[in-house]
Each structure stands twice: as structure tokens, then as C-alpha cells.
N, C-alpha and C. Protein backbone atom coordinates (compact mmCIF):
# COMPACT_ATOMS: atom_id res chain seq x y z
N UNK A 1 0.84 -1.01 0.08
CA UNK A 1 -0.08 0.31 -0.01
C UNK A 1 0.78 1.53 -0.03
N UNK A 2 0.52 2.00 -0.69
CA UNK A 2 1.08 3.36 -1.18
C UNK A 2 1.15 4.08 0.25
N UNK A 3 2.15 5.62 0.27
CA UNK A 3 1.76 6.21 1.02
C UNK A 3 0.30 6.60 1.22
N UNK A 4 0.56 7.46 0.19
CA UNK A 4 -0.69 7.89 -0.07
C UNK A 4 -2.36 7.21 0.33
N UNK A 5 -1.94 6.01 0.10
CA UNK A 5 -3.50 4.89 0.00
C UNK A 5 -3.33 4.65 2.02
N UNK A 6 -2.25 4.62 2.26
CA UNK A 6 -2.46 4.49 3.97
C UNK A 6 -2.77 5.71 4.54
N UNK A 7 -2.28 6.96 4.08
CA UNK A 7 -3.07 7.99 4.82
C UNK A 7 -4.00 8.40 4.55
N UNK A 8 -4.90 8.10 3.45
CA UNK A 8 -6.56 7.86 3.30
C UNK A 8 -6.98 6.86 4.25
N UNK A 9 -6.84 5.78 4.46
CA UNK A 9 -7.02 4.54 5.16
C UNK A 9 -7.05 5.20 6.78
N UNK A 10 -5.72 5.62 7.08
CA UNK A 10 -5.80 6.03 8.60
C UNK A 10 -6.58 7.48 8.76
N UNK A 11 -6.64 8.34 8.08
CA UNK A 11 -7.17 9.99 8.41
C UNK A 11 -7.13 10.19 7.34
N UNK A 12 -7.75 10.53 6.44
CA UNK A 12 -8.46 11.35 4.95
C UNK A 12 -8.67 13.11 5.42
N UNK A 13 -8.30 13.71 6.38
CA UNK A 13 -8.65 14.67 6.44
C UNK A 13 -7.37 15.71 6.24
N UNK A 14 -7.62 16.61 5.79
CA UNK A 14 -6.18 17.52 5.14
C UNK A 14 -6.13 18.86 5.87
N UNK A 15 -5.32 18.90 6.81
CA UNK A 15 -4.57 19.82 7.84
C UNK A 15 -4.43 21.07 7.11
N UNK A 16 -5.10 22.03 6.76
CA UNK A 16 -4.72 23.39 6.13
C UNK A 16 -4.18 24.62 6.79
N UNK A 17 -2.49 24.72 6.73
CA UNK A 17 -1.75 25.71 7.85
C UNK A 17 -2.02 27.28 6.68
N UNK A 18 -2.39 27.69 6.28
CA UNK A 18 -2.88 29.14 5.91
C UNK A 18 -2.03 30.23 6.68
N UNK A 19 -0.96 30.77 6.71
CA UNK A 19 -0.23 31.27 7.23
C UNK A 19 0.78 30.89 7.90
N UNK A 20 0.83 29.39 8.02
CA UNK A 20 2.13 28.60 9.14
C UNK A 20 3.76 29.61 8.18
N UNK A 21 4.24 29.90 9.17
CA UNK A 21 6.04 30.09 9.63
C UNK A 21 6.41 29.31 9.45
N UNK A 22 7.71 29.63 8.51
CA UNK A 22 8.49 28.29 8.53
C UNK A 22 9.34 28.21 10.06
N UNK A 23 9.46 29.25 10.99
CA UNK A 23 9.75 29.22 11.43
C UNK A 23 9.27 27.84 13.11
N UNK A 24 7.62 28.21 12.74
CA UNK A 24 6.89 27.01 13.57
C UNK A 24 6.29 25.76 12.47
N UNK A 25 6.57 25.75 11.23
CA UNK A 25 6.58 24.66 10.61
C UNK A 25 6.93 23.08 11.34
N UNK A 26 7.96 22.88 11.73
CA UNK A 26 8.34 21.69 12.25
C UNK A 26 7.13 21.44 14.00
N UNK A 27 7.42 22.58 14.99
CA UNK A 27 6.26 22.61 16.13
C UNK A 27 5.16 21.91 15.64
N UNK A 28 4.21 22.45 14.80
CA UNK A 28 2.69 22.44 14.41
C UNK A 28 2.42 21.48 13.43
N UNK A 29 3.80 20.87 12.49
CA UNK A 29 3.53 19.70 11.51
C UNK A 29 3.76 18.40 13.06
N UNK A 30 4.57 18.62 13.93
CA UNK A 30 4.95 17.29 15.20
C UNK A 30 3.41 17.22 15.52
N UNK A 31 3.06 18.81 16.32
CA UNK A 31 1.75 18.39 16.91
C UNK A 31 0.64 17.54 15.98
N UNK A 32 0.60 18.18 14.66
CA UNK A 32 -0.75 17.55 13.84
C UNK A 32 -0.71 16.08 13.44
N UNK A 33 0.72 15.52 13.39
CA UNK A 33 1.13 14.01 13.46
C UNK A 33 0.61 13.37 14.26
N UNK A 34 1.23 14.17 15.82
CA UNK A 34 1.35 13.60 16.75
C UNK A 34 -0.33 12.65 17.27
N UNK A 35 -1.18 14.05 16.53
CA UNK A 35 -2.62 13.56 16.81
C UNK A 35 -3.09 12.90 16.30
N UNK A 36 -2.68 12.24 14.88
CA UNK A 36 -3.02 11.40 13.67
C UNK A 36 -3.11 11.99 12.22
N UNK A 37 -2.51 13.30 12.33
CA UNK A 37 -3.17 13.67 10.77
C UNK A 37 -1.70 13.15 9.78
N UNK A 38 -2.50 12.42 8.63
CA UNK A 38 -1.53 12.39 7.77
C UNK A 38 -1.51 13.04 6.85
N UNK A 39 -2.61 14.12 6.46
CA UNK A 39 -2.03 14.85 5.14
C UNK A 39 -2.23 16.36 5.89
N UNK A 40 -1.13 17.05 5.02
CA UNK A 40 -0.72 18.29 5.18
C UNK A 40 -0.71 19.53 4.32
N UNK A 41 -1.33 20.17 4.31
CA UNK A 41 -1.23 21.34 3.24
C UNK A 41 -0.76 22.68 3.66
N UNK A 42 0.25 23.37 3.17
CA UNK A 42 0.60 25.01 3.22
C UNK A 42 0.10 25.95 1.99
N UNK A 43 -0.81 26.16 2.44
CA UNK A 43 -1.61 27.27 1.07
C UNK A 43 -0.13 28.10 0.87
N UNK A 44 -0.05 28.45 -0.41
CA UNK A 44 1.10 29.05 -1.30
C UNK A 44 0.50 30.42 -1.12
N UNK A 45 -0.07 31.54 0.09
CA UNK A 45 -0.64 32.74 0.00
C UNK A 45 -0.16 32.78 1.32
N UNK A 46 0.76 31.66 2.27
CA UNK A 46 1.87 31.99 3.28
C UNK A 46 2.78 32.38 3.21
N UNK A 47 3.76 32.51 4.30
CA UNK A 47 5.19 33.23 4.19
C UNK A 47 6.08 32.49 3.59
N UNK A 48 6.38 32.13 2.91
CA UNK A 48 7.62 31.79 2.47
C UNK A 48 7.14 29.85 2.45
N UNK A 49 6.37 29.61 1.56
CA UNK A 49 5.48 28.45 2.07
C UNK A 49 6.47 27.14 1.70
N UNK A 50 6.99 27.23 0.74
CA UNK A 50 7.90 26.02 0.00
C UNK A 50 8.86 26.17 1.32
N UNK A 51 9.46 26.95 1.78
CA UNK A 51 10.50 26.57 2.87
C UNK A 51 9.57 25.21 3.95
N UNK A 52 8.29 25.72 4.07
CA UNK A 52 7.50 24.95 5.43
C UNK A 52 7.03 23.92 5.37
N UNK A 53 7.19 23.56 3.45
CA UNK A 53 6.93 22.34 2.76
C UNK A 53 8.15 21.61 2.74
N UNK A 54 9.32 22.13 2.39
CA UNK A 54 10.34 21.19 2.81
C UNK A 54 10.38 20.65 3.85
N UNK A 55 10.68 21.68 4.78
CA UNK A 55 11.07 21.49 6.44
C UNK A 55 9.95 20.01 6.76
N UNK A 56 8.73 20.35 6.84
CA UNK A 56 7.80 19.14 7.05
C UNK A 56 8.29 17.93 6.16
N UNK A 57 8.52 18.04 4.97
CA UNK A 57 8.38 16.99 3.85
C UNK A 57 9.95 15.87 4.95
N UNK A 58 10.52 16.93 5.01
CA UNK A 58 12.10 15.91 5.53
C UNK A 58 11.63 15.30 7.20
N UNK A 59 11.52 16.35 7.52
CA UNK A 59 10.51 15.97 9.15
C UNK A 59 9.77 14.18 9.10
N UNK A 60 8.35 14.57 8.39
CA UNK A 60 7.35 13.68 8.12
C UNK A 60 7.22 12.56 7.01
N UNK A 61 7.53 13.40 5.99
CA UNK A 61 7.51 13.02 4.62
C UNK A 61 7.48 10.94 4.63
N UNK A 62 7.98 10.66 5.63
CA UNK A 62 7.58 8.99 5.25
C UNK A 62 6.70 8.29 5.49
N UNK A 63 5.65 9.38 6.65
CA UNK A 63 4.74 8.50 6.78
C UNK A 63 3.53 9.75 6.96
N UNK A 64 3.98 10.75 5.86
CA UNK A 64 2.99 11.97 6.24
C UNK A 64 2.77 12.56 4.71
N UNK A 65 1.51 12.40 4.06
CA UNK A 65 1.56 13.34 2.80
C UNK A 65 1.71 15.06 2.89
N UNK A 66 2.70 15.42 2.46
CA UNK A 66 3.08 16.98 2.50
C UNK A 66 2.78 17.96 1.07
N UNK A 67 1.65 18.61 1.10
CA UNK A 67 2.11 19.62 -0.34
C UNK A 67 1.38 21.01 0.11
N UNK A 68 0.94 21.57 -1.09
CA UNK A 68 0.75 23.06 -1.06
C UNK A 68 -0.58 23.14 -1.62
N UNK A 69 -1.39 24.14 -1.02
CA UNK A 69 -2.43 24.70 -1.29
C UNK A 69 -3.01 26.21 -2.21
N UNK A 70 -3.60 26.13 -2.54
CA UNK A 70 -3.75 27.61 -3.06
C UNK A 70 -3.11 27.65 -4.65
N UNK A 71 -2.90 26.14 -5.68
CA UNK A 71 -2.11 25.99 -6.25
C UNK A 71 -2.56 26.57 -7.56
N UNK A 72 -2.22 27.52 -8.33
CA UNK A 72 -2.93 28.33 -9.55
C UNK A 72 -2.21 27.70 -11.23
N UNK A 73 -0.78 27.46 -10.68
CA UNK A 73 -0.31 27.70 -12.40
C UNK A 73 0.51 26.40 -12.22
N UNK A 74 1.08 26.15 -13.22
CA UNK A 74 1.76 24.55 -13.72
C UNK A 74 3.34 25.02 -13.15
N UNK A 75 3.67 26.28 -12.76
CA UNK A 75 5.00 26.57 -11.92
C UNK A 75 4.66 26.37 -10.83
N UNK A 76 4.10 26.40 -10.11
CA UNK A 76 3.38 26.36 -8.85
C UNK A 76 3.50 24.87 -8.77
N UNK A 77 2.88 24.40 -9.47
CA UNK A 77 3.05 22.84 -9.17
C UNK A 77 4.72 21.95 -9.01
N UNK A 78 5.50 22.58 -10.34
CA UNK A 78 7.16 22.33 -10.36
C UNK A 78 7.56 22.59 -9.07
N UNK A 79 7.30 23.76 -8.48
CA UNK A 79 8.22 24.20 -7.47
C UNK A 79 7.48 23.80 -6.09
N UNK A 80 6.24 23.46 -6.14
CA UNK A 80 5.88 22.41 -4.45
C UNK A 80 6.72 21.11 -4.58
N UNK A 81 6.69 20.63 -5.96
CA UNK A 81 6.93 19.10 -5.92
C UNK A 81 8.49 19.14 -5.57
N UNK A 82 9.40 19.90 -6.29
CA UNK A 82 10.60 20.85 -6.35
C UNK A 82 10.98 20.31 -4.43
N UNK A 83 10.21 21.18 -3.75
CA UNK A 83 10.78 21.22 -2.29
C UNK A 83 9.93 20.19 -1.26
N UNK A 84 9.43 18.95 -2.07
CA UNK A 84 9.02 17.45 -1.29
C UNK A 84 7.22 17.29 -1.76
N UNK A 85 6.29 18.03 -1.89
CA UNK A 85 5.60 17.91 -1.75
C UNK A 85 4.91 17.09 -2.40
N UNK A 86 4.08 16.06 -1.98
CA UNK A 86 3.46 15.28 -2.94
C UNK A 86 2.03 15.58 -3.45
N UNK A 87 1.19 16.55 -2.27
CA UNK A 87 -0.22 17.33 -2.66
C UNK A 87 -0.62 18.08 -3.21
N UNK A 88 -0.65 18.62 -4.46
CA UNK A 88 -1.37 19.69 -4.84
C UNK A 88 -2.89 20.42 -5.18
N UNK A 89 -3.46 21.25 -4.37
CA UNK A 89 -4.32 21.90 -4.08
C UNK A 89 -4.60 22.72 -4.10
N UNK A 90 -6.29 22.93 -5.08
CA UNK A 90 -6.50 24.44 -5.88
C UNK A 90 -8.15 24.65 -5.54
N UNK A 91 -7.97 25.82 -5.32
CA UNK A 91 -9.58 26.65 -5.18
C UNK A 91 -10.54 25.66 -6.08
N UNK A 92 -9.75 25.60 -7.91
CA UNK A 92 -10.20 25.94 -8.90
C UNK A 92 -10.44 24.45 -9.37
N UNK A 93 -10.85 24.41 -10.68
CA UNK A 93 -10.32 22.90 -11.34
C UNK A 93 -9.66 23.34 -12.38
N UNK A 94 -8.38 23.34 -12.72
CA UNK A 94 -7.47 24.02 -13.95
C UNK A 94 -7.00 22.41 -14.61
N UNK A 95 -7.19 22.54 -15.68
CA UNK A 95 -6.61 20.80 -16.35
C UNK A 95 -5.41 20.94 -16.47
N UNK A 96 -4.57 22.04 -17.10
CA UNK A 96 -3.28 22.55 -17.00
C UNK A 96 -2.76 21.60 -15.66
N UNK A 97 -3.08 22.34 -14.70
CA UNK A 97 -2.43 22.37 -13.51
C UNK A 97 -3.01 20.89 -12.71
N UNK A 98 -3.94 20.34 -13.14
CA UNK A 98 -4.10 19.00 -13.03
C UNK A 98 -3.44 17.79 -13.64
N UNK A 99 -3.35 18.24 -15.10
CA UNK A 99 -2.02 17.24 -15.91
C UNK A 99 -0.60 17.42 -15.47
N UNK A 100 -0.06 18.59 -14.72
CA UNK A 100 1.40 18.71 -14.80
C UNK A 100 1.15 17.96 -13.60
N UNK A 101 -0.06 18.11 -12.76
CA UNK A 101 1.02 17.25 -10.78
C UNK A 101 0.98 15.91 -11.17
N UNK A 102 -0.05 15.09 -11.76
CA UNK A 102 -0.11 13.97 -12.27
C UNK A 102 1.13 13.70 -13.06
N UNK A 103 1.90 14.47 -13.63
CA UNK A 103 2.69 13.69 -14.65
C UNK A 103 3.84 13.97 -13.84
N UNK A 104 3.68 14.64 -12.55
CA UNK A 104 5.27 14.64 -11.99
C UNK A 104 4.55 14.19 -10.54
N UNK A 105 3.71 13.22 -10.57
CA UNK A 105 3.25 11.97 -9.66
C UNK A 105 3.12 12.63 -8.27
N UNK A 106 2.21 13.82 -8.60
CA UNK A 106 1.66 14.14 -6.89
C UNK A 106 0.50 13.96 -7.38
N UNK A 107 -0.28 13.55 -6.22
CA UNK A 107 -2.04 13.97 -6.03
C UNK A 107 -2.08 14.96 -6.28
N UNK A 108 -3.49 15.04 -7.31
CA UNK A 108 -4.03 16.29 -7.32
C UNK A 108 -6.03 16.63 -6.81
N UNK A 109 -5.65 17.95 -6.22
CA UNK A 109 -7.10 17.73 -5.02
C UNK A 109 -7.52 19.17 -6.10
N UNK A 110 -7.97 18.72 -6.81
CA UNK A 110 -8.84 20.53 -7.06
C UNK A 110 -10.39 20.78 -6.76
N UNK A 111 -10.45 21.78 -6.74
CA UNK A 111 -12.21 22.50 -6.59
C UNK A 111 -12.73 22.48 -7.60
N UNK A 112 -14.16 21.72 -7.24
CA UNK A 112 -15.18 21.41 -7.93
C UNK A 112 -16.78 21.73 -6.93
N UNK A 113 -17.24 22.23 -8.17
CA UNK A 113 -18.57 22.48 -7.59
C UNK A 113 -19.87 21.81 -8.11
N UNK A 114 -19.73 21.37 -9.54
CA UNK A 114 -20.31 20.68 -10.26
C UNK A 114 -20.47 19.44 -11.27
N UNK A 115 -21.14 19.13 -11.44
CA UNK A 115 -20.94 17.43 -11.81
C UNK A 115 -20.40 17.39 -12.83
N UNK A 116 -20.01 18.83 -13.87
CA UNK A 116 -19.54 18.97 -14.98
C UNK A 116 -17.52 18.86 -14.60
N UNK A 117 -17.08 19.82 -13.50
CA UNK A 117 -16.23 19.98 -13.12
C UNK A 117 -15.56 18.41 -12.71
N UNK A 118 -16.37 18.05 -11.05
CA UNK A 118 -16.11 17.01 -10.80
C UNK A 118 -15.69 15.70 -11.87
N UNK A 119 -16.32 15.49 -12.99
CA UNK A 119 -16.23 14.20 -13.52
C UNK A 119 -14.84 14.74 -14.34
N UNK A 120 -15.24 15.71 -14.83
CA UNK A 120 -14.19 16.31 -16.13
C UNK A 120 -13.08 16.33 -14.98
N UNK A 121 -12.54 16.83 -13.81
CA UNK A 121 -11.34 16.59 -12.56
C UNK A 121 -10.94 14.44 -12.63
N UNK A 122 -11.67 14.13 -12.65
CA UNK A 122 -11.86 12.79 -12.37
C UNK A 122 -10.73 12.27 -13.88
N UNK A 123 -11.56 12.72 -14.40
CA UNK A 123 -10.99 12.15 -15.96
C UNK A 123 -9.29 12.36 -16.12
N UNK A 124 -8.86 13.60 -15.56
CA UNK A 124 -7.54 14.37 -15.76
C UNK A 124 -6.86 13.15 -14.66
N UNK A 125 -7.85 12.59 -13.34
CA UNK A 125 -6.75 12.12 -12.81
C UNK A 125 -6.79 12.13 -11.04
N UNK A 126 -7.87 13.50 -11.15
CA UNK A 126 -7.63 13.43 -9.54
C UNK A 126 -8.09 13.06 -8.62
N UNK A 127 -7.07 13.03 -6.86
CA UNK A 127 -7.01 12.10 -6.50
C UNK A 127 -8.29 11.87 -5.14
N UNK A 128 -8.70 13.59 -5.15
CA UNK A 128 -9.35 14.26 -4.34
C UNK A 128 -10.72 14.65 -4.88
N UNK A 129 -11.54 14.92 -4.70
CA UNK A 129 -12.62 15.90 -4.89
C UNK A 129 -12.96 16.80 -4.01
N UNK A 130 -12.57 18.20 -4.42
CA UNK A 130 -12.84 19.28 -3.04
C UNK A 130 -14.15 20.20 -3.58
N UNK A 131 -14.73 19.89 -2.67
CA UNK A 131 -15.96 20.66 -2.43
C UNK A 131 -15.89 22.34 -1.76
N UNK A 132 -15.81 23.01 -2.76
CA UNK A 132 -15.45 24.05 -1.77
C UNK A 132 -15.62 25.58 -2.64
N UNK A 133 -16.29 26.19 -1.46
CA UNK A 133 -16.49 26.03 -0.66
C UNK A 133 -17.88 25.32 -0.08
N UNK A 134 -17.66 24.96 1.36
CA UNK A 134 -18.62 23.87 1.69
C UNK A 134 -19.88 24.62 2.05
N UNK A 135 -19.94 26.11 2.16
CA UNK A 135 -20.65 26.61 2.59
C UNK A 135 -21.54 27.27 1.43
N UNK A 136 -21.39 26.51 0.32
CA UNK A 136 -22.22 26.68 -0.76
C UNK A 136 -22.99 25.21 -1.82
N UNK A 137 -21.76 24.48 -0.93
CA UNK A 137 -22.19 23.06 -0.87
C UNK A 137 -22.69 22.02 0.25
N UNK A 138 -24.06 22.39 0.65
CA UNK A 138 -24.58 21.61 1.40
C UNK A 138 -24.90 20.30 1.61
N UNK A 139 -24.87 19.43 3.17
CA UNK A 139 -24.66 17.79 2.60
C UNK A 139 -26.33 17.28 1.47
N UNK A 140 -26.69 18.19 1.49
CA UNK A 140 -27.86 17.60 0.53
C UNK A 140 -27.09 17.44 -1.32
N UNK A 141 -26.55 18.65 -1.17
CA UNK A 141 -25.65 18.61 -2.75
C UNK A 141 -24.77 17.65 -2.29
N UNK A 142 -23.71 17.48 -2.08
CA UNK A 142 -23.40 16.17 -1.76
C UNK A 142 -23.77 15.30 -1.90
N UNK A 143 -24.58 14.69 -1.04
CA UNK A 143 -25.58 13.36 -1.04
C UNK A 143 -25.77 13.28 -2.88
N UNK A 144 -26.29 14.17 -3.40
CA UNK A 144 -27.19 14.07 -4.71
C UNK A 144 -25.87 14.14 -5.68
N UNK A 145 -24.54 14.38 -5.43
CA UNK A 145 -23.36 14.51 -6.51
C UNK A 145 -23.45 13.16 -6.28
N UNK A 146 -23.15 12.51 -4.92
CA UNK A 146 -22.46 11.38 -3.79
C UNK A 146 -23.49 10.07 -5.08
N UNK A 147 -24.40 10.24 -5.51
CA UNK A 147 -25.55 9.23 -5.80
C UNK A 147 -24.97 9.10 -7.72
N UNK A 148 -24.13 9.77 -7.95
CA UNK A 148 -23.85 9.77 -9.39
C UNK A 148 -21.90 9.69 -9.50
N UNK A 149 -21.11 9.84 -8.42
CA UNK A 149 -20.25 9.93 -8.95
C UNK A 149 -19.40 8.41 -8.63
N UNK A 150 -18.53 8.30 -9.22
CA UNK A 150 -18.00 6.36 -8.99
C UNK A 150 -17.79 6.50 -7.68
N UNK A 151 -17.95 5.22 -7.10
CA UNK A 151 -17.99 5.22 -5.82
C UNK A 151 -16.49 5.41 -5.11
N UNK A 152 -15.84 4.99 -5.77
CA UNK A 152 -14.05 4.87 -5.19
C UNK A 152 -14.01 6.55 -5.33
N UNK A 153 -14.54 7.41 -5.47
CA UNK A 153 -13.87 8.81 -6.05
C UNK A 153 -13.72 9.20 -4.26
N UNK A 154 -12.71 9.81 -3.73
CA UNK A 154 -12.56 10.45 -2.90
C UNK A 154 -13.38 11.71 -2.34
N UNK A 155 -14.34 12.08 -1.96
CA UNK A 155 -14.82 13.96 -1.72
C UNK A 155 -14.87 14.34 -0.53
N UNK A 156 -13.86 15.41 -0.62
CA UNK A 156 -13.81 16.28 0.59
C UNK A 156 -14.57 17.25 0.84
N UNK A 157 -14.98 17.81 1.81
CA UNK A 157 -15.83 18.86 2.07
C UNK A 157 -14.94 19.90 2.44
N UNK A 158 -15.13 21.13 1.79
CA UNK A 158 -13.92 21.92 2.67
C UNK A 158 -14.24 23.64 2.76
N UNK A 159 -14.29 23.99 4.08
CA UNK A 159 -14.63 25.45 4.19
C UNK A 159 -15.36 25.23 5.16
N UNK A 160 -15.21 26.15 6.46
CA UNK A 160 -16.01 26.33 7.70
C UNK A 160 -16.71 25.02 8.16
N UNK A 161 -15.64 24.06 7.75
CA UNK A 161 -15.85 23.09 8.61
C UNK A 161 -15.34 22.52 10.22
N UNK A 162 -16.64 22.13 11.36
CA UNK A 162 -15.85 22.22 12.45
C UNK A 162 -16.07 20.60 12.91
N UNK A 163 -15.81 20.01 14.02
CA UNK A 163 -16.10 18.83 14.36
C UNK A 163 -17.90 18.44 14.93
N UNK A 164 -18.28 19.71 15.10
CA UNK A 164 -20.12 19.81 15.03
C UNK A 164 -20.39 19.39 13.71
N UNK A 165 -19.75 20.23 12.51
CA UNK A 165 -20.82 20.35 11.39
C UNK A 165 -20.12 18.81 10.49
N UNK A 166 -19.22 18.33 10.91
CA UNK A 166 -18.94 17.10 9.82
C UNK A 166 -19.97 15.98 9.74
N UNK A 167 -20.78 15.80 10.67
CA UNK A 167 -21.83 14.44 10.48
C UNK A 167 -22.51 14.24 9.82
N UNK A 168 -23.10 15.76 9.56
CA UNK A 168 -24.03 15.58 8.52
C UNK A 168 -23.66 15.80 6.92
N UNK A 169 -22.52 16.23 6.95
CA UNK A 169 -21.48 15.95 5.29
C UNK A 169 -21.10 14.77 5.32
N UNK A 170 -20.55 13.71 6.39
CA UNK A 170 -19.94 12.35 6.44
C UNK A 170 -21.19 11.54 5.80
N UNK A 171 -22.24 11.82 6.59
CA UNK A 171 -23.43 10.93 5.95
C UNK A 171 -23.75 10.96 4.71
N UNK A 172 -23.98 12.64 4.12
CA UNK A 172 -24.04 12.81 3.06
C UNK A 172 -23.26 12.11 2.03
N UNK A 173 -22.14 11.65 2.76
CA UNK A 173 -21.20 11.04 1.52
C UNK A 173 -19.47 11.79 1.15
N UNK A 174 -19.54 12.66 2.27
CA UNK A 174 -17.70 13.24 2.38
C UNK A 174 -16.95 12.33 3.01
N UNK A 175 -16.04 11.54 2.23
CA UNK A 175 -15.00 10.93 2.85
C UNK A 175 -13.97 11.92 3.68
N UNK A 176 -13.65 12.92 3.27
CA UNK A 176 -12.47 13.32 3.87
C UNK A 176 -13.06 15.21 4.56
N UNK A 177 -12.24 15.85 4.95
CA UNK A 177 -12.73 17.15 5.02
C UNK A 177 -11.36 18.10 4.95
N UNK A 178 -11.11 19.29 4.48
CA UNK A 178 -9.90 20.04 4.91
C UNK A 178 -10.07 21.09 5.50
N UNK A 179 -9.83 20.82 6.56
CA UNK A 179 -10.03 21.58 8.06
C UNK A 179 -8.59 23.01 7.96
N UNK A 180 -9.48 24.14 8.13
CA UNK A 180 -8.31 25.70 8.29
C UNK A 180 -8.39 26.23 9.55
N UNK A 181 -9.23 27.46 9.42
CA UNK A 181 -9.28 28.43 10.76
C UNK A 181 -9.95 27.52 11.99
N UNK A 182 -10.89 26.18 12.06
CA UNK A 182 -11.02 25.45 12.72
C UNK A 182 -9.96 24.65 13.67
N UNK A 183 -8.86 24.58 12.80
CA UNK A 183 -7.60 23.73 13.45
C UNK A 183 -6.31 24.79 13.83
N UNK A 184 -6.36 25.54 12.75
CA UNK A 184 -5.21 25.94 12.78
C UNK A 184 -5.16 27.47 12.61
N UNK A 185 -4.40 28.83 13.33
CA UNK A 185 -4.30 30.12 12.71
C UNK A 185 -3.28 30.39 13.01
N UNK A 186 -2.35 30.93 12.43
CA UNK A 186 -1.20 31.28 13.11
C UNK A 186 -0.61 32.38 14.53
N UNK A 187 -1.82 32.42 14.88
CA UNK A 187 -2.06 33.20 16.23
C UNK A 187 -2.33 32.05 17.29
N UNK A 188 -2.57 30.71 17.17
CA UNK A 188 -2.79 29.68 17.64
C UNK A 188 -1.98 29.03 18.67
N UNK A 189 -1.55 28.81 19.99
CA UNK A 189 -0.07 28.46 19.94
C UNK A 189 -0.55 26.86 20.34
N UNK A 190 0.83 26.12 20.11
CA UNK A 190 1.09 25.01 19.17
C UNK A 190 -0.15 23.81 20.42
N UNK A 191 0.06 24.32 21.58
CA UNK A 191 -1.00 23.66 22.39
C UNK A 191 -2.28 23.46 21.83
N UNK A 192 -2.81 24.75 21.88
CA UNK A 192 -4.31 25.04 21.13
C UNK A 192 -4.30 24.03 20.31
N UNK A 193 -3.30 23.86 18.65
CA UNK A 193 -3.59 23.44 17.84
C UNK A 193 -3.62 22.12 18.15
N UNK A 194 -2.84 21.07 18.60
CA UNK A 194 -2.80 20.12 19.44
C UNK A 194 -4.10 19.30 19.88
N UNK A 195 -4.79 20.33 20.93
CA UNK A 195 -6.36 20.16 20.91
C UNK A 195 -7.16 19.71 20.34
N UNK A 196 -7.41 20.93 19.59
CA UNK A 196 -7.96 21.22 18.10
C UNK A 196 -7.86 19.98 17.05
N UNK A 197 -6.72 19.75 16.89
CA UNK A 197 -5.89 18.70 15.89
C UNK A 197 -6.98 17.17 16.61
N UNK A 198 -7.09 16.84 17.99
CA UNK A 198 -7.02 15.79 18.62
C UNK A 198 -8.63 15.63 18.67
N UNK A 199 -9.43 16.95 18.70
CA UNK A 199 -10.73 16.57 18.62
C UNK A 199 -11.08 16.45 17.56
N UNK A 200 -10.73 16.83 16.25
CA UNK A 200 -10.94 16.65 14.68
C UNK A 200 -11.08 15.20 14.61
N UNK A 201 -9.72 14.65 15.20
CA UNK A 201 -9.42 13.29 14.64
C UNK A 201 -10.59 12.48 15.70
N UNK A 202 -10.91 12.81 17.10
CA UNK A 202 -11.80 11.96 17.79
C UNK A 202 -13.39 12.02 16.78
N UNK A 203 -13.84 12.91 16.41
CA UNK A 203 -15.04 12.95 15.85
C UNK A 203 -14.75 12.18 15.10
N UNK A 204 -14.15 12.58 13.87
CA UNK A 204 -13.88 11.70 12.84
C UNK A 204 -13.94 10.40 12.90
N UNK A 205 -13.10 9.84 14.26
CA UNK A 205 -13.05 8.66 14.61
C UNK A 205 -14.70 8.24 15.02
N UNK A 206 -15.36 8.37 15.70
CA UNK A 206 -16.66 8.52 16.30
C UNK A 206 -17.54 8.22 15.10
N UNK A 207 -17.20 8.97 13.62
CA UNK A 207 -18.08 8.91 12.71
C UNK A 207 -18.18 7.34 12.04
N UNK A 208 -16.34 7.00 11.84
CA UNK A 208 -16.20 6.30 11.16
C UNK A 208 -16.98 4.68 11.61
N UNK A 209 -16.79 5.25 13.26
CA UNK A 209 -17.36 3.64 14.21
C UNK A 209 -18.53 3.69 13.60
N UNK A 210 -19.83 4.97 13.24
CA UNK A 210 -20.95 5.07 13.41
C UNK A 210 -21.60 5.04 14.38
């Protein structure tokens, strides 16, 4: 089983570290991995994001999938992969970005909202369908979409997700969640991030157990 397959099996939630400073990359990623996270995203609109990605990849790359978010161009894909990133997360469905990510062996996670975008992304090799922003895609919409998507497609709800709102999305068919400010903000102390991470992991484990 590959690193990606193991990560999705163990915990497919994506920790989104928007605003992470490279100086905090090790401490924050340590807290997340210790809590049970296996997929970490550093958005490219963070301070010196490639430095953070490189640090986290060197520290946790053997058992954690690390990559970038807000990836908008093929050059950014190349830069992220060169820094050790293995997942390319975008707010939109850009075929050129997706093709390049797949060519470089990275997992592509594009933002989608419609069946046309979702099936188009899958045809290009998307590893995860990121329904974003989740505030505009309620659980009923996820359920309707899930009814026509291939069963093996990994669906992630991203945007405004908290431990309390995960349940409705999970029952509607979301396999994964992208977790932003409810999990991490640059102003949070590492201990608080660890507490929030454990809360999400516990909530997701409870959902899985039914």
C-alpha cells in the first residue's frame, strides 16, 4: 500500500496551515502528526510556503503526505514538487495544473462544485474532489453528487468545517474534510493546535465507527 493509500485509510482529513511561518513548521506539524493527521497542506499564500513544505516533508515525509494549497499555475506545481510536496490542492479545477501534477507523480485535489467539474477532474486523474466552499455545497448537494460519482472517488468538504458540522457531511458521502481556521491559525499556540487536532481526529473516528 502506498503512502497516499495509507494516509487516506488512516485519516483522510487535510490540515490546512494557511499563514504558517517556516519557523513554526516543525512544531506545528509535530503536533498534527502526533494527533493522527496524515495529510498536511501549506497554502502558497502563506509566508515562504516552500520552505515550510520542505521542512515538513523532511521531518514527516515517510508517513505523512505534505503539499501545497492555493496552487494556481503549472510553475507552482513544479516548485511544490521540487520542495518535496506530494499533494497539489487548488481552489479551482484547472486542467493544466491537474495534468502537470499527475505527470510529476503528485496527488491532485482540485476545487469543484458541479458534476461537470467533478467528472472532468476525475478524467484527468484527480485523487480527491474538493467541494469548495462547503458553505455553498450543503450536505444534500453532496449526497446528490455522490449518487452519480464513482464509488471510489474521494470527496472532501472544505470550508467552514468544524467537529460539530462534520457529521452531516460525512453521512451525505464526504470521505474527507479540509480543515482550516477551526484547526489552525498562526495566532494559535501549539498546545491549542494539538487540542483542536485531537478533537477533529476523535470526532472523525466516532463517525467512522457509526
